[in-house]
C-alpha atoms as a PDB file:
ATOM      1  CA  PRO A   1      -7.649 -24.919 -20.397  1.00  0.00           C
ATOM      2  CA  ASP A   2      -9.677 -22.142 -18.230  1.00  0.00           C
ATOM      3  CA  GLU A   3      -8.660 -19.717 -15.952  1.00  0.00           C
ATOM      4  CA  ILE A   4      -9.358 -21.897 -13.203  1.00  0.00           C
ATOM      5  CA  MET A   5      -6.671 -24.419 -14.751  1.00  0.00           C
ATOM      6  CA  TYR A   6      -4.160 -21.902 -15.424  1.00  0.00           C
ATOM      7  CA  ASN A   7      -4.688 -20.317 -11.684  1.00  0.00           C
ATOM      8  CA  SER A   8      -4.225 -24.137 -10.254  1.00  0.00           C
ATOM      9  CA  ILE A   9      -0.815 -24.393 -12.209  1.00  0.00           C
ATOM     10  CA  LEU A  10       0.215 -21.048 -10.932  1.00  0.00           C
ATOM     11  CA  ASP A  11      -0.599 -21.913  -7.466  1.00  0.00           C
ATOM     12  CA  GLY A  12       1.404 -24.927  -7.663  1.00  0.00           C
ATOM     13  CA  CYS A  13       4.375 -23.180  -8.954  1.00  0.00           C
ATOM     14  CA  ALA A  14       3.827 -20.933  -6.231  1.00  0.00           C
ATOM     15  CA  LYS A  15       3.969 -23.329  -3.652  1.00  0.00           C
ATOM     16  CA  GLN A  16       7.326 -24.382  -5.016  1.00  0.00           C
ATOM     17  CA  HIS A  17       8.777 -21.238  -5.355  1.00  0.00           C
ATOM     18  CA  ARG A  18       8.958 -21.553  -9.058  1.00  0.00           C
ATOM     19  CA  VAL A  19       8.829 -17.942 -10.511  1.00  0.00           C
ATOM     20  CA  ASP A  20      10.164 -18.475 -13.852  1.00  0.00           C
ATOM     21  CA  GLU A  21       7.732 -21.253 -14.474  1.00  0.00           C
ATOM     22  CA  ALA A  22       5.103 -19.214 -13.250  1.00  0.00           C
ATOM     23  CA  LEU A  23       5.866 -16.307 -15.531  1.00  0.00           C
ATOM     24  CA  LYS A  24       5.663 -18.434 -18.275  1.00  0.00           C
ATOM     25  CA  VAL A  25       2.402 -19.918 -17.259  1.00  0.00           C
ATOM     26  CA  LEU A  26       0.995 -16.551 -17.325  1.00  0.00           C
ATOM     27  CA  ASP A  27       2.573 -15.851 -20.913  1.00  0.00           C
ATOM     28  CA  GLU A  28       0.910 -19.016 -22.157  1.00  0.00           C
ATOM     29  CA  MET A  29      -2.283 -18.187 -20.354  1.00  0.00           C
ATOM     30  CA  ARG A  30      -2.510 -14.629 -21.940  1.00  0.00           C
ATOM     31  CA  ALA A  31      -1.252 -16.158 -25.483  1.00  0.00           C
ATOM     32  CA  SER A  32      -4.368 -18.559 -25.133  1.00  0.00           C
ATOM     33  CA  GLY A  33      -6.889 -15.381 -24.907  1.00  0.00           C
ATOM     34  CA  ILE A  34      -7.316 -15.783 -21.082  1.00  0.00           C
ATOM     35  CA  ALA A  35      -7.227 -12.720 -19.144  1.00  0.00           C
ATOM     36  CA  PRO A  36      -5.876 -12.970 -15.752  1.00  0.00           C
ATOM     37  CA  SER A  37      -8.074 -11.830 -12.540  1.00  0.00           C
ATOM     38  CA  ASN A  38      -7.421 -10.676  -9.285  1.00  0.00           C
ATOM     39  CA  TYR A  39      -6.969 -14.183  -8.362  1.00  0.00           C
ATOM     40  CA  THR A  40      -4.304 -14.927 -10.744  1.00  0.00           C
ATOM     41  CA  LEU A  41      -2.483 -11.476  -9.921  1.00  0.00           C
ATOM     42  CA  SER A  42      -2.578 -12.500  -5.929  1.00  0.00           C
ATOM     43  CA  ILE A  43      -0.947 -15.722  -6.938  1.00  0.00           C
ATOM     44  CA  LEU A  44       1.920 -14.130  -8.881  1.00  0.00           C
ATOM     45  CA  VAL A  45       2.402 -11.367  -6.173  1.00  0.00           C
ATOM     46  CA  LYS A  46       3.107 -14.193  -3.758  1.00  0.00           C
ATOM     47  CA  VAL A  47       5.509 -16.154  -5.922  1.00  0.00           C
ATOM     48  CA  LEU A  48       7.423 -12.999  -6.699  1.00  0.00           C
ATOM     49  CA  GLY A  49       7.502 -11.807  -3.189  1.00  0.00           C
ATOM     50  CA  HIS A  50       8.927 -15.152  -2.066  1.00  0.00           C
ATOM     51  CA  ALA A  51      11.496 -14.752  -4.670  1.00  0.00           C
ATOM     52  CA  ARG A  52      12.478 -11.357  -3.246  1.00  0.00           C
ATOM     53  CA  ARG A  53      11.401  -9.605  -6.471  1.00  0.00           C
ATOM     54  CA  LEU A  54       9.307  -6.995  -4.835  1.00  0.00           C
ATOM     55  CA  PRO A  55       9.568  -4.468  -7.434  1.00  0.00           C
ATOM     56  CA  GLN A  56       8.641  -6.982 -10.268  1.00  0.00           C
ATOM     57  CA  ALA A  57       5.403  -7.592  -7.868  1.00  0.00           C
ATOM     58  CA  PHE A  58       4.558  -4.082  -8.007  1.00  0.00           C
ATOM     59  CA  GLU A  59       5.063  -3.727 -11.577  1.00  0.00           C
ATOM     60  CA  MET A  60       2.993  -6.775 -12.103  1.00  0.00           C
ATOM     61  CA  VAL A  61      -0.073  -5.446 -10.240  1.00  0.00           C
ATOM     62  CA  GLU A  62       0.228  -2.005 -12.136  1.00  0.00           C
ATOM     63  CA  ASN A  63       0.694  -3.727 -15.581  1.00  0.00           C
ATOM     64  CA  LEU A  64      -1.870  -6.552 -15.464  1.00  0.00           C
ATOM     65  CA  SER A  65      -4.670  -4.421 -14.039  1.00  0.00           C
ATOM     66  CA  LYS A  66      -4.084  -1.750 -16.556  1.00  0.00           C
ATOM     67  CA  GLN A  67      -3.843  -4.083 -19.595  1.00  0.00           C
ATOM     68  CA  HIS A  68      -6.836  -5.966 -18.605  1.00  0.00           C
ATOM     69  CA  GLY A  69      -9.166  -3.524 -16.877  1.00  0.00           C
ATOM     70  CA  PHE A  70      -9.558  -4.508 -13.480  1.00  0.00           C
ATOM     71  CA  ARG A  71      -8.610  -2.689 -10.204  1.00  0.00           C
ATOM     72  CA  PRO A  72      -6.303  -4.795  -7.852  1.00  0.00           C
ATOM     73  CA  ASN A  73      -8.679  -6.049  -4.691  1.00  0.00           C
ATOM     74  CA  VAL A  74      -8.195  -6.409  -1.219  1.00  0.00           C
ATOM     75  CA  GLN A  75      -6.611  -9.969  -1.537  1.00  0.00           C
ATOM     76  CA  VAL A  76      -3.911  -8.241  -4.076  1.00  0.00           C
ATOM     77  CA  TYR A  77      -3.149  -5.837  -1.498  1.00  0.00           C
ATOM     78  CA  THR A  78      -2.868  -8.321   1.416  1.00  0.00           C
ATOM     79  CA  CYS A  79      -0.174 -10.258  -0.957  1.00  0.00           C
ATOM     80  CA  LEU A  80       1.623  -7.397  -1.624  1.00  0.00           C
ATOM     81  CA  VAL A  81       1.589  -6.288   2.354  1.00  0.00           C
ATOM     82  CA  GLN A  82       2.989  -9.873   2.878  1.00  0.00           C
ATOM     83  CA  ALA A  83       5.578  -9.506   0.183  1.00  0.00           C
ATOM     84  CA  CYS A  84       6.752  -6.203   1.513  1.00  0.00           C
ATOM     85  CA  VAL A  85       7.064  -7.730   5.086  1.00  0.00           C
ATOM     86  CA  HIS A  86       8.734 -10.932   3.727  1.00  0.00           C
ATOM     87  CA  ASN A  87      11.150  -8.617   1.677  1.00  0.00           C
ATOM     88  CA  ARG A  88      11.708  -6.251   4.988  1.00  0.00           C
ATOM     89  CA  GLN A  89      10.176  -3.507   3.595  1.00  0.00           C
ATOM     90  CA  LEU A  90       7.849  -2.382   6.439  1.00  0.00           C
ATOM     91  CA  GLU A  91       7.230   1.364   5.658  1.00  0.00           C
ATOM     92  CA  LYS A  92       6.038   0.315   2.095  1.00  0.00           C
ATOM     93  CA  ALA A  93       3.687  -2.264   3.694  1.00  0.00           C
ATOM     94  CA  LEU A  94       2.250   0.146   6.042  1.00  0.00           C
ATOM     95  CA  SER A  95       1.920   2.713   3.236  1.00  0.00           C
ATOM     96  CA  LEU A  96      -0.111   0.288   1.150  1.00  0.00           C
ATOM     97  CA  HIS A  97      -2.801   0.596   3.582  1.00  0.00           C
ATOM     98  CA  ASP A  98      -3.484   4.212   2.985  1.00  0.00           C
ATOM     99  CA  THR A  99      -3.055   3.525  -0.926  1.00  0.00           C
ATOM    100  CA  MET A 100      -5.823   0.928  -0.540  1.00  0.00           C
ATOM    101  CA  VAL A 101      -8.447   3.107   1.188  1.00  0.00           C
ATOM    102  CA  ALA A 102      -7.683   6.354  -0.268  1.00  0.00           C
ATOM    103  CA  ASP A 103      -6.546   5.474  -3.642  1.00  0.00           C
ATOM    104  CA  VAL A 104      -8.087   2.227  -4.547  1.00  0.00           C
ATOM    105  CA  GLY A 105     -11.096   2.270  -2.637  1.00  0.00           C
ATOM    106  CA  CYS A 106     -10.631  -1.150  -1.213  1.00  0.00           C
ATOM    107  CA  ALA A 107     -11.941  -1.742   2.352  1.00  0.00           C
ATOM    108  CA  VAL A 108      -9.557  -3.823   4.393  1.00  0.00           C
ATOM    109  CA  ASP A 109     -10.558  -7.139   5.725  1.00  0.00           C
ATOM    110  CA  ASP A 110      -9.628  -9.469   8.745  1.00  0.00           C
ATOM    111  CA  LYS A 111      -7.058 -11.128   6.388  1.00  0.00           C
ATOM    112  CA  PHE A 112      -5.206  -7.912   5.852  1.00  0.00           C
ATOM    113  CA  TYR A 113      -4.764  -7.411   9.534  1.00  0.00           C
END
């Protein structure tokens, strides 16, 4: 399997709100030597947010991006904002905009708004 296959499976887990299965797929993906991408990360943030595991979503963003050497992009931040809103953390959602622009250098797009 390649990254596309793993991301498709993760997306299926997310659509069915199967968090634990998604995390197992991530472990299998990494064990196979396939690095997660921003797309992978955005799927994981969605599934964790819907499961009301917001702190774990933020940890996932921090840990995976550091471990695999990439910066979260606007799609990941958009998913984080949506997860915050879903978890009734509106102040945190609003503060992500400032973090995106100032610290990370992401430019917001129309999906963000």
